[in-house]
Amino acid sequence: MLVTFALVVVGWIIFRADTIGDAWGYICRMFTSGEWGVPVHGKGVLVYVLLMLAVEWVQRTREHALQLDAVKNRWVRGAIYYALIIVILWQESSSVQFIYFQF
């Protein structure tokens, strides 16, 4: 999981940078600047990433992470699904330009 995550992050850097040289500079600075820590504007995202990693780890033997076989009550399972939908819609309210519109 960590290797896949690292490859995706590097891919994002490459696609978001103006040139390959800029992308290489960003990647080099990530590992050489000595500024390890959580960015000021990214702390909320870290909570969601850690939550998703925890759910994925707990559900690693299942086909997908939201396979809630242990929750027998269908109303509780439905409430969990609807709560996730509400959180997704709530977070979707911020407008961000789609990355491939730049090309």
PDB file of N, CA and C in Angstrom:
ATOM      1  N   MET A   1       0.833  -1.198   0.000  1.00  0.00           N
ATOM      2  CA  MET A   1       0.000   0.000   0.000  1.00  0.00           C
ATOM      3  C   MET A   1       0.869   1.251   0.000  1.00  0.00           C
ATOM      4  N   LEU A   2       1.943   1.232   0.765  1.00  0.00           N
ATOM      5  CA  LEU A   2       2.792   2.421   0.842  1.00  0.00           C
ATOM      6  C   LEU A   2       3.511   2.690  -0.478  1.00  0.00           C
ATOM      7  N   VAL A   3       3.933   1.625  -1.156  1.00  0.00           N
ATOM      8  CA  VAL A   3       4.602   1.813  -2.451  1.00  0.00           C
ATOM      9  C   VAL A   3       3.629   2.402  -3.458  1.00  0.00           C
ATOM     10  N   THR A   4       2.400   1.898  -3.487  1.00  0.00           N
ATOM     11  CA  THR A   4       1.396   2.442  -4.400  1.00  0.00           C
ATOM     12  C   THR A   4       1.111   3.898  -4.083  1.00  0.00           C
ATOM     13  N   PHE A   5       0.976   4.211  -2.802  1.00  0.00           N
ATOM     14  CA  PHE A   5       0.725   5.594  -2.394  1.00  0.00           C
ATOM     15  C   PHE A   5       1.876   6.500  -2.830  1.00  0.00           C
ATOM     16  N   ALA A   6       3.109   6.041  -2.624  1.00  0.00           N
ATOM     17  CA  ALA A   6       4.275   6.848  -3.008  1.00  0.00           C
ATOM     18  C   ALA A   6       4.322   7.070  -4.521  1.00  0.00           C
ATOM     19  N   LEU A   7       4.014   6.037  -5.294  1.00  0.00           N
ATOM     20  CA  LEU A   7       4.007   6.189  -6.759  1.00  0.00           C
ATOM     21  C   LEU A   7       2.920   7.157  -7.224  1.00  0.00           C
ATOM     22  N   VAL A   8       1.766   7.108  -6.595  1.00  0.00           N
ATOM     23  CA  VAL A   8       0.683   8.032  -6.950  1.00  0.00           C
ATOM     24  C   VAL A   8       1.076   9.463  -6.625  1.00  0.00           C
ATOM     25  N   VAL A   9       1.683   9.681  -5.481  1.00  0.00           N
ATOM     26  CA  VAL A   9       2.101  11.032  -5.090  1.00  0.00           C
ATOM     27  C   VAL A   9       3.153  11.569  -6.061  1.00  0.00           C
ATOM     28  N   VAL A  10       4.105  10.738  -6.433  1.00  0.00           N
ATOM     29  CA  VAL A  10       5.119  11.171  -7.412  1.00  0.00           C
ATOM     30  C   VAL A  10       4.455  11.474  -8.746  1.00  0.00           C
ATOM     31  N   GLY A  11       3.493  10.673  -9.146  1.00  0.00           N
ATOM     32  CA  GLY A  11       2.751  10.951 -10.379  1.00  0.00           C
ATOM     33  C   GLY A  11       2.018  12.279 -10.322  1.00  0.00           C
ATOM     34  N   TRP A  12       1.421  12.582  -9.181  1.00  0.00           N
ATOM     35  CA  TRP A  12       0.747  13.875  -9.026  1.00  0.00           C
ATOM     36  C   TRP A  12       1.740  15.023  -9.173  1.00  0.00           C
ATOM     37  N   ILE A  13       2.914  14.853  -8.585  1.00  0.00           N
ATOM     38  CA  ILE A  13       3.931  15.914  -8.688  1.00  0.00           C
ATOM     39  C   ILE A  13       4.308  16.124 -10.142  1.00  0.00           C
ATOM     40  N   ILE A  14       4.513  15.043 -10.877  1.00  0.00           N
ATOM     41  CA  ILE A  14       4.913  15.154 -12.280  1.00  0.00           C
ATOM     42  C   ILE A  14       3.831  15.833 -13.103  1.00  0.00           C
ATOM     43  N   PHE A  15       2.570  15.463 -12.900  1.00  0.00           N
ATOM     44  CA  PHE A  15       1.487  16.041 -13.699  1.00  0.00           C
ATOM     45  C   PHE A  15       1.146  17.474 -13.308  1.00  0.00           C
ATOM     46  N   ARG A  16       1.396  17.855 -12.067  1.00  0.00           N
ATOM     47  CA  ARG A  16       1.068  19.212 -11.623  1.00  0.00           C
ATOM     48  C   ARG A  16       2.176  20.214 -11.889  1.00  0.00           C
ATOM     49  N   ALA A  17       3.411  19.764 -12.065  1.00  0.00           N
ATOM     50  CA  ALA A  17       4.534  20.668 -12.283  1.00  0.00           C
ATOM     51  C   ALA A  17       4.488  21.222 -13.706  1.00  0.00           C
ATOM     52  N   ASP A  18       5.037  22.421 -13.875  1.00  0.00           N
ATOM     53  CA  ASP A  18       5.061  23.046 -15.194  1.00  0.00           C
ATOM     54  C   ASP A  18       6.012  22.334 -16.146  1.00  0.00           C
ATOM     55  N   THR A  19       7.162  21.900 -15.638  1.00  0.00           N
ATOM     56  CA  THR A  19       8.131  21.176 -16.460  1.00  0.00           C
ATOM     57  C   THR A  19       8.641  19.981 -15.676  1.00  0.00           C
ATOM     58  N   ILE A  20       9.302  19.066 -16.389  1.00  0.00           N
ATOM     59  CA  ILE A  20       9.890  17.906 -15.726  1.00  0.00           C
ATOM     60  C   ILE A  20      10.989  18.364 -14.760  1.00  0.00           C
ATOM     61  N   GLY A  21      11.712  19.413 -15.132  1.00  0.00           N
ATOM     62  CA  GLY A  21      12.745  19.950 -14.250  1.00  0.00           C
ATOM     63  C   GLY A  21      12.165  20.466 -12.947  1.00  0.00           C
ATOM     64  N   ASP A  22      11.031  21.150 -13.035  1.00  0.00           N
ATOM     65  CA  ASP A  22      10.360  21.612 -11.814  1.00  0.00           C
ATOM     66  C   ASP A  22       9.919  20.429 -10.951  1.00  0.00           C
ATOM     67  N   ALA A  23       9.386  19.399 -11.604  1.00  0.00           N
ATOM     68  CA  ALA A  23       8.940  18.212 -10.856  1.00  0.00           C
ATOM     69  C   ALA A  23      10.121  17.566 -10.146  1.00  0.00           C
ATOM     70  N   TRP A  24      11.242  17.435 -10.852  1.00  0.00           N
ATOM     71  CA  TRP A  24      12.427  16.846 -10.241  1.00  0.00           C
ATOM     72  C   TRP A  24      12.913  17.701  -9.064  1.00  0.00           C
ATOM     73  N   GLY A  25      12.836  19.018  -9.224  1.00  0.00           N
ATOM     74  CA  GLY A  25      13.216  19.913  -8.129  1.00  0.00           C
ATOM     75  C   GLY A  25      12.334  19.738  -6.906  1.00  0.00           C
ATOM     76  N   TYR A  26      11.023  19.601  -7.117  1.00  0.00           N
ATOM     77  CA  TYR A  26      10.106  19.378  -5.995  1.00  0.00           C
ATOM     78  C   TYR A  26      10.434  18.069  -5.273  1.00  0.00           C
ATOM     79  N   ILE A  27      10.659  17.021  -6.061  1.00  0.00           N
ATOM     80  CA  ILE A  27      10.942  15.718  -5.465  1.00  0.00           C
ATOM     81  C   ILE A  27      12.255  15.764  -4.680  1.00  0.00           C
ATOM     82  N   CYS A  28      13.284  16.398  -5.244  1.00  0.00           N
ATOM     83  CA  CYS A  28      14.569  16.504  -4.544  1.00  0.00           C
ATOM     84  C   CYS A  28      14.429  17.291  -3.247  1.00  0.00           C
ATOM     85  N   ARG A  29      13.663  18.385  -3.285  1.00  0.00           N
ATOM     86  CA  ARG A  29      13.486  19.195  -2.074  1.00  0.00           C
ATOM     87  C   ARG A  29      12.690  18.464  -1.003  1.00  0.00           C
ATOM     88  N   MET A  30      11.838  17.525  -1.414  1.00  0.00           N
ATOM     89  CA  MET A  30      11.082  16.751  -0.427  1.00  0.00           C
ATOM     90  C   MET A  30      12.005  15.947   0.465  1.00  0.00           C
ATOM     91  N   PHE A  31      13.119  15.498  -0.083  1.00  0.00           N
ATOM     92  CA  PHE A  31      14.002  14.618   0.667  1.00  0.00           C
ATOM     93  C   PHE A  31      15.282  15.281   1.151  1.00  0.00           C
ATOM     94  N   THR A  32      15.576  16.508   0.706  1.00  0.00           N
ATOM     95  CA  THR A  32      16.842  17.123   1.084  1.00  0.00           C
ATOM     96  C   THR A  32      16.709  18.414   1.878  1.00  0.00           C
ATOM     97  N   SER A  33      15.529  18.989   1.967  1.00  0.00           N
ATOM     98  CA  SER A  33      15.413  20.290   2.621  1.00  0.00           C
ATOM     99  C   SER A  33      15.448  20.191   4.140  1.00  0.00           C
ATOM    100  N   GLY A  34      15.176  19.039   4.682  1.00  0.00           N
ATOM    101  CA  GLY A  34      15.171  18.882   6.128  1.00  0.00           C
ATOM    102  C   GLY A  34      13.923  19.439   6.788  1.00  0.00           C
ATOM    103  N   GLU A  35      12.941  19.802   6.025  1.00  0.00           N
ATOM    104  CA  GLU A  35      11.701  20.366   6.571  1.00  0.00           C
ATOM    105  C   GLU A  35      10.635  19.292   6.660  1.00  0.00           C
ATOM    106  N   TRP A  36      10.853  18.290   7.478  1.00  0.00           N
ATOM    107  CA  TRP A  36       9.875  17.236   7.647  1.00  0.00           C
ATOM    108  C   TRP A  36       8.805  17.697   8.624  1.00  0.00           C
ATOM    109  N   GLY A  37       7.565  17.462   8.290  1.00  0.00           N
ATOM    110  CA  GLY A  37       6.462  17.833   9.158  1.00  0.00           C
ATOM    111  C   GLY A  37       5.190  17.989   8.352  1.00  0.00           C
ATOM    112  N   VAL A  38       4.124  18.233   9.050  1.00  0.00           N
ATOM    113  CA  VAL A  38       2.823  18.392   8.404  1.00  0.00           C
ATOM    114  C   VAL A  38       2.668  19.843   7.986  1.00  0.00           C
ATOM    115  N   PRO A  39       2.315  20.104   6.719  1.00  0.00           N
ATOM    116  CA  PRO A  39       2.111  21.478   6.308  1.00  0.00           C
ATOM    117  C   PRO A  39       0.927  22.104   7.050  1.00  0.00           C
ATOM    118  N   VAL A  40       0.941  23.409   7.160  1.00  0.00           N
ATOM    119  CA  VAL A  40      -0.099  24.112   7.901  1.00  0.00           C
ATOM    120  C   VAL A  40      -1.470  23.901   7.261  1.00  0.00           C
ATOM    121  N   HIS A  41      -1.541  23.922   5.938  1.00  0.00           N
ATOM    122  CA  HIS A  41      -2.828  23.827   5.253  1.00  0.00           C
ATOM    123  C   HIS A  41      -3.252  22.388   4.987  1.00  0.00           C
ATOM    124  N   GLY A  42      -2.463  21.382   5.354  1.00  0.00           N
ATOM    125  CA  GLY A  42      -2.785  20.010   5.014  1.00  0.00           C
ATOM    126  C   GLY A  42      -3.113  19.103   6.176  1.00  0.00           C
ATOM    127  N   LYS A  43      -3.348  19.648   7.352  1.00  0.00           N
ATOM    128  CA  LYS A  43      -3.590  18.814   8.526  1.00  0.00           C
ATOM    129  C   LYS A  43      -4.925  18.076   8.437  1.00  0.00           C
ATOM    130  N   GLY A  44      -5.929  18.685   7.856  1.00  0.00           N
ATOM    131  CA  GLY A  44      -7.229  18.029   7.724  1.00  0.00           C
ATOM    132  C   GLY A  44      -7.170  16.835   6.795  1.00  0.00           C
ATOM    133  N   VAL A  45      -6.385  16.940   5.753  1.00  0.00           N
ATOM    134  CA  VAL A  45      -6.247  15.842   4.801  1.00  0.00           C
ATOM    135  C   VAL A  45      -5.557  14.655   5.461  1.00  0.00           C
ATOM    136  N   LEU A  46      -4.613  14.932   6.338  1.00  0.00           N
ATOM    137  CA  LEU A  46      -3.895  13.866   7.021  1.00  0.00           C
ATOM    138  C   LEU A  46      -4.842  12.997   7.845  1.00  0.00           C
ATOM    139  N   VAL A  47      -5.836  13.592   8.454  1.00  0.00           N
ATOM    140  CA  VAL A  47      -6.813  12.831   9.237  1.00  0.00           C
ATOM    141  C   VAL A  47      -7.566  11.868   8.330  1.00  0.00           C
ATOM    142  N   TYR A  48      -8.003  12.333   7.168  1.00  0.00           N
ATOM    143  CA  TYR A  48      -8.737  11.479   6.234  1.00  0.00           C
ATOM    144  C   TYR A  48      -7.852  10.361   5.680  1.00  0.00           C
ATOM    145  N   VAL A  49      -6.614  10.660   5.376  1.00  0.00           N
ATOM    146  CA  VAL A  49      -5.703   9.636   4.862  1.00  0.00           C
ATOM    147  C   VAL A  49      -5.470   8.563   5.916  1.00  0.00           C
ATOM    148  N   LEU A  50      -5.215   8.960   7.148  1.00  0.00           N
ATOM    149  CA  LEU A  50      -4.998   7.988   8.215  1.00  0.00           C
ATOM    150  C   LEU A  50      -6.250   7.155   8.479  1.00  0.00           C
ATOM    151  N   LEU A  51      -7.423   7.785   8.414  1.00  0.00           N
ATOM    152  CA  LEU A  51      -8.662   7.052   8.599  1.00  0.00           C
ATOM    153  C   LEU A  51      -8.860   6.023   7.484  1.00  0.00           C
ATOM    154  N   MET A  52      -8.605   6.428   6.250  1.00  0.00           N
ATOM    155  CA  MET A  52      -8.756   5.489   5.126  1.00  0.00           C
ATOM    156  C   MET A  52      -7.752   4.344   5.213  1.00  0.00           C
ATOM    157  N   LEU A  53      -6.518   4.633   5.618  1.00  0.00           N
ATOM    158  CA  LEU A  53      -5.528   3.572   5.782  1.00  0.00           C
ATOM    159  C   LEU A  53      -5.931   2.600   6.891  1.00  0.00           C
ATOM    160  N   ALA A  54      -6.490   3.126   7.987  1.00  0.00           N
ATOM    161  CA  ALA A  54      -6.929   2.260   9.082  1.00  0.00           C
ATOM    162  C   ALA A  54      -8.078   1.355   8.645  1.00  0.00           C
ATOM    163  N   VAL A  55      -9.054   1.907   7.948  1.00  0.00           N
ATOM    164  CA  VAL A  55     -10.187   1.102   7.469  1.00  0.00           C
ATOM    165  C   VAL A  55      -9.705   0.048   6.483  1.00  0.00           C
ATOM    166  N   GLU A  56      -8.829   0.432   5.575  1.00  0.00           N
ATOM    167  CA  GLU A  56      -8.301  -0.515   4.593  1.00  0.00           C
ATOM    168  C   GLU A  56      -7.516  -1.635   5.281  1.00  0.00           C
ATOM    169  N   TRP A  57      -6.756  -1.301   6.320  1.00  0.00           N
ATOM    170  CA  TRP A  57      -5.976  -2.313   7.022  1.00  0.00           C
ATOM    171  C   TRP A  57      -6.887  -3.283   7.774  1.00  0.00           C
ATOM    172  N   VAL A  58      -7.914  -2.760   8.424  1.00  0.00           N
ATOM    173  CA  VAL A  58      -8.840  -3.619   9.160  1.00  0.00           C
ATOM    174  C   VAL A  58      -9.599  -4.530   8.201  1.00  0.00           C
ATOM    175  N   GLN A  59      -9.964  -4.031   7.039  1.00  0.00           N
ATOM    176  CA  GLN A  59     -10.756  -4.781   6.068  1.00  0.00           C
ATOM    177  C   GLN A  59      -9.888  -5.469   5.005  1.00  0.00           C
ATOM    178  N   ARG A  60      -8.622  -5.675   5.256  1.00  0.00           N
ATOM    179  CA  ARG A  60      -7.693  -6.184   4.250  1.00  0.00           C
ATOM    180  C   ARG A  60      -8.031  -7.590   3.760  1.00  0.00           C
ATOM    181  N   THR A  61      -8.784  -8.376   4.540  1.00  0.00           N
ATOM    182  CA  THR A  61      -9.156  -9.722   4.103  1.00  0.00           C
ATOM    183  C   THR A  61     -10.427  -9.735   3.272  1.00  0.00           C
ATOM    184  N   ARG A  62     -11.093  -8.613   3.180  1.00  0.00           N
ATOM    185  CA  ARG A  62     -12.342  -8.519   2.430  1.00  0.00           C
ATOM    186  C   ARG A  62     -12.080  -8.074   0.986  1.00  0.00           C
ATOM    187  N   GLU A  63     -13.090  -8.192   0.157  1.00  0.00           N
ATOM    188  CA  GLU A  63     -12.958  -7.793  -1.245  1.00  0.00           C
ATOM    189  C   GLU A  63     -12.802  -6.285  -1.382  1.00  0.00           C
ATOM    190  N   HIS A  64     -13.523  -5.522  -0.579  1.00  0.00           N
ATOM    191  CA  HIS A  64     -13.391  -4.067  -0.565  1.00  0.00           C
ATOM    192  C   HIS A  64     -13.581  -3.554   0.858  1.00  0.00           C
ATOM    193  N   ALA A  65     -13.159  -2.310   1.062  1.00  0.00           N
ATOM    194  CA  ALA A  65     -13.095  -1.771   2.426  1.00  0.00           C
ATOM    195  C   ALA A  65     -14.465  -1.553   3.060  1.00  0.00           C
ATOM    196  N   LEU A  66     -15.500  -1.355   2.271  1.00  0.00           N
ATOM    197  CA  LEU A  66     -16.828  -1.099   2.842  1.00  0.00           C
ATOM    198  C   LEU A  66     -17.702  -2.349   2.885  1.00  0.00           C
ATOM    199  N   GLN A  67     -17.103  -3.502   2.855  1.00  0.00           N
ATOM    200  CA  GLN A  67     -17.844  -4.745   2.985  1.00  0.00           C
ATOM    201  C   GLN A  67     -18.087  -4.985   4.469  1.00  0.00           C
ATOM    202  N   LEU A  68     -19.245  -4.588   4.933  1.00  0.00           N
ATOM    203  CA  LEU A  68     -19.558  -4.594   6.369  1.00  0.00           C
ATOM    204  C   LEU A  68     -20.384  -5.821   6.738  1.00  0.00           C
ATOM    205  N   ASP A  69     -19.799  -7.007   6.571  1.00  0.00           N
ATOM    206  CA  ASP A  69     -20.510  -8.235   6.910  1.00  0.00           C
ATOM    207  C   ASP A  69     -20.738  -8.389   8.405  1.00  0.00           C
ATOM    208  N   ALA A  70     -19.866  -7.819   9.213  1.00  0.00           N
ATOM    209  CA  ALA A  70     -19.995  -7.946  10.664  1.00  0.00           C
ATOM    210  C   ALA A  70     -21.192  -7.159  11.206  1.00  0.00           C
ATOM    211  N   VAL A  71     -21.636  -6.137  10.479  1.00  0.00           N
ATOM    212  CA  VAL A  71     -22.788  -5.345  10.907  1.00  0.00           C
ATOM    213  C   VAL A  71     -24.038  -6.033  10.367  1.00  0.00           C
ATOM    214  N   LYS A  72     -24.720  -6.765  11.220  1.00  0.00           N
ATOM    215  CA  LYS A  72     -25.879  -7.557  10.797  1.00  0.00           C
ATOM    216  C   LYS A  72     -27.136  -6.705  10.614  1.00  0.00           C
ATOM    217  N   ASN A  73     -27.282  -5.654  11.410  1.00  0.00           N
ATOM    218  CA  ASN A  73     -28.461  -4.808  11.315  1.00  0.00           C
ATOM    219  C   ASN A  73     -28.369  -3.960  10.051  1.00  0.00           C
ATOM    220  N   ARG A  74     -29.319  -4.133   9.139  1.00  0.00           N
ATOM    221  CA  ARG A  74     -29.251  -3.406   7.860  1.00  0.00           C
ATOM    222  C   ARG A  74     -29.477  -1.913   8.034  1.00  0.00           C
ATOM    223  N   TRP A  75     -30.162  -1.486   9.098  1.00  0.00           N
ATOM    224  CA  TRP A  75     -30.375  -0.061   9.336  1.00  0.00           C
ATOM    225  C   TRP A  75     -29.073   0.613   9.763  1.00  0.00           C
ATOM    226  N   VAL A  76     -28.303  -0.063  10.587  1.00  0.00           N
ATOM    227  CA  VAL A  76     -27.011   0.482  11.014  1.00  0.00           C
ATOM    228  C   VAL A  76     -26.060   0.548   9.825  1.00  0.00           C
ATOM    229  N   ARG A  77     -26.031  -0.525   9.020  1.00  0.00           N
ATOM    230  CA  ARG A  77     -25.180  -0.538   7.828  1.00  0.00           C
ATOM    231  C   ARG A  77     -25.594   0.569   6.862  1.00  0.00           C
ATOM    232  N   GLY A  78     -26.880   0.753   6.683  1.00  0.00           N
ATOM    233  CA  GLY A  78     -27.375   1.834   5.824  1.00  0.00           C
ATOM    234  C   GLY A  78     -27.007   3.205   6.364  1.00  0.00           C
ATOM    235  N   ALA A  79     -27.082   3.362   7.683  1.00  0.00           N
ATOM    236  CA  ALA A  79     -26.716   4.645   8.297  1.00  0.00           C
ATOM    237  C   ALA A  79     -25.243   4.947   8.072  1.00  0.00           C
ATOM    238  N   ILE A  80     -24.398   3.924   8.136  1.00  0.00           N
ATOM    239  CA  ILE A  80     -22.973   4.130   7.876  1.00  0.00           C
ATOM    240  C   ILE A  80     -22.754   4.572   6.432  1.00  0.00           C
ATOM    241  N   TYR A  81     -23.406   3.902   5.507  1.00  0.00           N
ATOM    242  CA  TYR A  81     -23.260   4.270   4.088  1.00  0.00           C
ATOM    243  C   TYR A  81     -23.763   5.688   3.826  1.00  0.00           C
ATOM    244  N   TYR A  82     -24.927   6.038   4.375  1.00  0.00           N
ATOM    245  CA  TYR A  82     -25.455   7.384   4.169  1.00  0.00           C
ATOM    246  C   TYR A  82     -24.583   8.448   4.826  1.00  0.00           C
ATOM    247  N   ALA A  83     -24.010   8.132   5.986  1.00  0.00           N
ATOM    248  CA  ALA A  83     -23.098   9.081   6.630  1.00  0.00           C
ATOM    249  C   ALA A  83     -21.879   9.323   5.748  1.00  0.00           C
ATOM    250  N   LEU A  84     -21.348   8.286   5.132  1.00  0.00           N
ATOM    251  CA  LEU A  84     -20.228   8.454   4.212  1.00  0.00           C
ATOM    252  C   LEU A  84     -20.600   9.301   3.002  1.00  0.00           C
ATOM    253  N   ILE A  85     -21.794   9.087   2.474  1.00  0.00           N
ATOM    254  CA  ILE A  85     -22.261   9.888   1.329  1.00  0.00           C
ATOM    255  C   ILE A  85     -22.378  11.353   1.725  1.00  0.00           C
ATOM    256  N   ILE A  86     -22.913  11.616   2.900  1.00  0.00           N
ATOM    257  CA  ILE A  86     -23.054  13.003   3.374  1.00  0.00           C
ATOM    258  C   ILE A  86     -21.690  13.652   3.549  1.00  0.00           C
ATOM    259  N   VAL A  87     -20.729  12.928   4.108  1.00  0.00           N
ATOM    260  CA  VAL A  87     -19.375  13.477   4.276  1.00  0.00           C
ATOM    261  C   VAL A  87     -18.755  13.783   2.918  1.00  0.00           C
ATOM    262  N   ILE A  88     -18.925  12.880   1.956  1.00  0.00           N
ATOM    263  CA  ILE A  88     -18.384  13.114   0.614  1.00  0.00           C
ATOM    264  C   ILE A  88     -19.012  14.348  -0.012  1.00  0.00           C
ATOM    265  N   LEU A  89     -20.322  14.481   0.073  1.00  0.00           N
ATOM    266  CA  LEU A  89     -20.998  15.645  -0.505  1.00  0.00           C
ATOM    267  C   LEU A  89     -20.618  16.930   0.220  1.00  0.00           C
ATOM    268  N   TRP A  90     -20.410  16.855   1.521  1.00  0.00           N
ATOM    269  CA  TRP A  90     -20.013  18.026   2.299  1.00  0.00           C
ATOM    270  C   TRP A  90     -18.619  18.483   1.900  1.00  0.00           C
ATOM    271  N   GLN A  91     -17.711  17.551   1.692  1.00  0.00           N
ATOM    272  CA  GLN A  91     -16.346  17.888   1.300  1.00  0.00           C
ATOM    273  C   GLN A  91     -16.262  18.338  -0.151  1.00  0.00           C
ATOM    274  N   GLU A  92     -17.214  17.965  -0.959  1.00  0.00           N
ATOM    275  CA  GLU A  92     -17.207  18.279  -2.380  1.00  0.00           C
ATOM    276  C   GLU A  92     -17.558  19.741  -2.651  1.00  0.00           C
ATOM    277  N   SER A  93     -17.942  20.467  -1.630  1.00  0.00           N
ATOM    278  CA  SER A  93     -18.413  21.836  -1.831  1.00  0.00           C
ATOM    279  C   SER A  93     -17.316  22.790  -2.301  1.00  0.00           C
ATOM    280  N   SER A  94     -16.044  22.451  -2.072  1.00  0.00           N
ATOM    281  CA  SER A  94     -14.974  23.332  -2.533  1.00  0.00           C
ATOM    282  C   SER A  94     -14.696  23.069  -4.005  1.00  0.00           C
ATOM    283  N   SER A  95     -14.526  24.140  -4.748  1.00  0.00           N
ATOM    284  CA  SER A  95     -14.334  24.035  -6.190  1.00  0.00           C
ATOM    285  C   SER A  95     -12.851  24.018  -6.524  1.00  0.00           C
ATOM    286  N   VAL A  96     -12.409  22.963  -7.195  1.00  0.00           N
ATOM    287  CA  VAL A  96     -11.031  22.823  -7.621  1.00  0.00           C
ATOM    288  C   VAL A  96     -11.031  22.464  -9.095  1.00  0.00           C
ATOM    289  N   GLN A  97     -10.151  23.105  -9.869  1.00  0.00           N
ATOM    290  CA  GLN A  97     -10.085  22.819 -11.291  1.00  0.00           C
ATOM    291  C   GLN A  97      -9.543  21.410 -11.500  1.00  0.00           C
ATOM    292  N   PHE A  98     -10.203  20.662 -12.395  1.00  0.00           N
ATOM    293  CA  PHE A  98      -9.773  19.317 -12.715  1.00  0.00           C
ATOM    294  C   PHE A  98      -8.408  19.363 -13.384  1.00  0.00           C
ATOM    295  N   ILE A  99      -7.502  18.479 -12.987  1.00  0.00           N
ATOM    296  CA  ILE A  99      -6.108  18.552 -13.395  1.00  0.00           C
ATOM    297  C   ILE A  99      -5.940  18.482 -14.914  1.00  0.00           C
ATOM    298  N   TYR A 100      -6.713  17.680 -15.600  1.00  0.00           N
ATOM    299  CA  TYR A 100      -6.503  17.489 -17.028  1.00  0.00           C
ATOM    300  C   TYR A 100      -7.092  18.611 -17.874  1.00  0.00           C
ATOM    301  N   PHE A 101      -7.801  19.554 -17.261  1.00  0.00           N
ATOM    302  CA  PHE A 101      -8.239  20.734 -17.999  1.00  0.00           C
ATOM    303  C   PHE A 101      -7.067  21.649 -18.321  1.00  0.00           C
ATOM    304  N   GLN A 102      -5.916  21.438 -17.685  1.00  0.00           N
ATOM    305  CA  GLN A 102      -4.750  22.261 -17.935  1.00  0.00           C
ATOM    306  C   GLN A 102      -4.083  21.904 -19.255  1.00  0.00           C
ATOM    307  N   PHE A 103      -4.290  20.692 -19.740  1.00  0.00           N
ATOM    308  CA  PHE A 103      -3.573  20.256 -20.949  1.00  0.00           C
ATOM    309  C   PHE A 103      -4.304  20.661 -22.200  1.00  0.00           C
TER     310      PHE A 103
END
